[in-house]
Amino acid sequence: MKFTLVRNIHFHSPSTGLVSKFVSKEVESEISPQVGFEFEDSAWHRNDPIRAESISIDTETGKCTVHLNTKEVGTASDVEKFYGVAVQGHGWKNWLEN
């Protein structure tokens, strides 16, 4: 089964507002995803488990999207830092450009 993992990397403060980027990765597995499943991926630190929080299936196309827990970071510049790590060597893409 093919599905897309999606994760939001974000920072929010009263002075900065919301800074956010979404990353996605296409996955193929013999196991259908379910809410609560954890996924292992080298883009995320071992102390930062990624977990399925919701799953949506487009009834027209059958495309399955797994929405993961968000990654809250400490500063606005960290959003770009973590985004860069995920997309530069780990196969993740900018989800909003797909």
Protein backbone atom coordinates (compact mmCIF):
# COMPACT_ATOMS: atom_id res chain seq x y z
CA MET A 1 0.00 0.00 0.00
CA LYS A 2 1.23 3.51 -0.85
CA PHE A 3 0.60 6.43 1.45
CA THR A 4 2.01 9.87 2.24
CA LEU A 5 3.37 10.85 5.64
CA VAL A 6 2.90 14.55 6.47
CA ARG A 7 4.46 16.45 9.37
CA ASN A 8 4.20 20.09 10.40
CA ILE A 9 7.31 21.79 11.79
CA HIS A 10 6.30 24.97 13.61
CA PHE A 11 7.11 27.74 16.05
CA HIS A 12 4.69 30.23 17.57
CA SER A 13 5.13 33.26 19.80
CA PRO A 14 3.11 36.43 20.38
CA SER A 15 5.86 38.57 18.85
CA THR A 16 6.64 36.34 15.85
CA GLY A 17 3.29 34.75 15.17
CA LEU A 18 3.20 31.34 13.52
CA VAL A 19 6.13 30.10 11.46
CA SER A 20 5.38 26.72 9.89
CA LYS A 21 6.50 24.32 7.16
CA PHE A 22 4.96 21.01 6.14
CA VAL A 23 7.10 18.11 4.96
CA SER A 24 5.92 14.90 3.34
CA LYS A 25 7.32 11.54 2.33
CA GLU A 26 5.88 8.83 0.09
CA VAL A 27 5.92 5.41 1.75
CA GLU A 28 5.09 1.95 0.50
CA SER A 29 4.34 -0.80 3.00
CA GLU A 30 2.53 -4.11 3.23
CA ILE A 31 0.97 -2.82 6.45
CA SER A 32 -1.90 -0.32 6.27
CA PRO A 33 -1.31 2.68 8.55
CA GLN A 34 -3.47 3.21 11.61
CA VAL A 35 -3.81 6.05 14.11
CA GLY A 36 -1.25 5.59 16.87
CA PHE A 37 1.32 3.76 14.74
CA GLU A 38 4.89 4.99 15.15
CA PHE A 39 7.15 5.38 12.13
CA GLU A 40 10.94 5.21 12.17
CA ASP A 41 12.77 7.63 9.91
CA SER A 42 16.35 8.89 9.95
CA ALA A 43 15.21 12.52 9.56
CA TRP A 44 13.91 12.62 13.11
CA HIS A 45 15.95 12.15 16.27
CA ARG A 46 15.37 8.93 18.20
CA ASN A 47 13.95 10.99 21.08
CA ASP A 48 11.40 12.49 18.67
CA PRO A 49 9.11 9.60 17.73
CA ILE A 50 6.76 10.27 14.82
CA ARG A 51 3.25 8.96 15.31
CA ALA A 52 0.12 8.85 13.14
CA GLU A 53 -2.48 11.23 14.57
CA SER A 54 -5.04 11.04 11.77
CA ILE A 55 -5.50 9.42 8.39
CA SER A 56 -7.43 10.77 5.44
CA ILE A 57 -8.40 8.96 2.25
CA ASP A 58 -9.54 10.88 -0.82
CA THR A 59 -12.68 9.12 -2.03
CA GLU A 60 -12.07 10.23 -5.63
CA THR A 61 -8.45 9.11 -6.00
CA GLY A 62 -7.99 6.65 -3.13
CA LYS A 63 -4.88 8.57 -2.04
CA CYS A 64 -4.07 7.95 1.63
CA THR A 65 -2.46 10.68 3.74
CA VAL A 66 -1.15 10.01 7.24
CA HIS A 67 -0.93 13.15 9.37
CA LEU A 68 1.83 12.83 11.97
CA ASN A 69 2.32 14.55 15.30
CA THR A 70 3.71 18.05 14.88
CA LYS A 71 7.29 19.07 15.56
CA GLU A 72 7.29 22.17 17.77
CA VAL A 73 10.67 23.90 17.76
CA GLY A 74 12.26 26.51 20.04
CA THR A 75 12.78 29.42 17.64
CA ALA A 76 11.48 30.64 14.30
CA SER A 77 14.87 29.93 12.69
CA ASP A 78 14.68 26.32 13.93
CA VAL A 79 11.73 25.74 11.58
CA GLU A 80 13.99 26.24 8.57
CA LYS A 81 16.80 24.26 10.21
CA PHE A 82 14.68 21.16 10.85
CA TYR A 83 13.00 21.51 7.45
CA GLY A 84 16.43 21.60 5.77
CA VAL A 85 17.60 18.47 7.57
CA ALA A 86 14.46 16.55 6.57
CA VAL A 87 14.54 17.47 2.88
CA GLN A 88 18.28 17.47 2.21
CA GLY A 89 19.19 13.91 2.97
CA HIS A 90 16.19 11.97 4.08
CA GLY A 91 13.74 11.98 1.17
CA TRP A 92 11.17 14.39 2.60
CA LYS A 93 9.68 17.16 0.40
CA ASN A 94 7.78 20.38 0.83
CA TRP A 95 4.21 19.03 1.11
CA LEU A 96 2.57 22.25 -0.05
CA GLU A 97 4.49 22.16 -3.35
CA ASN A 98 3.19 18.70 -4.30
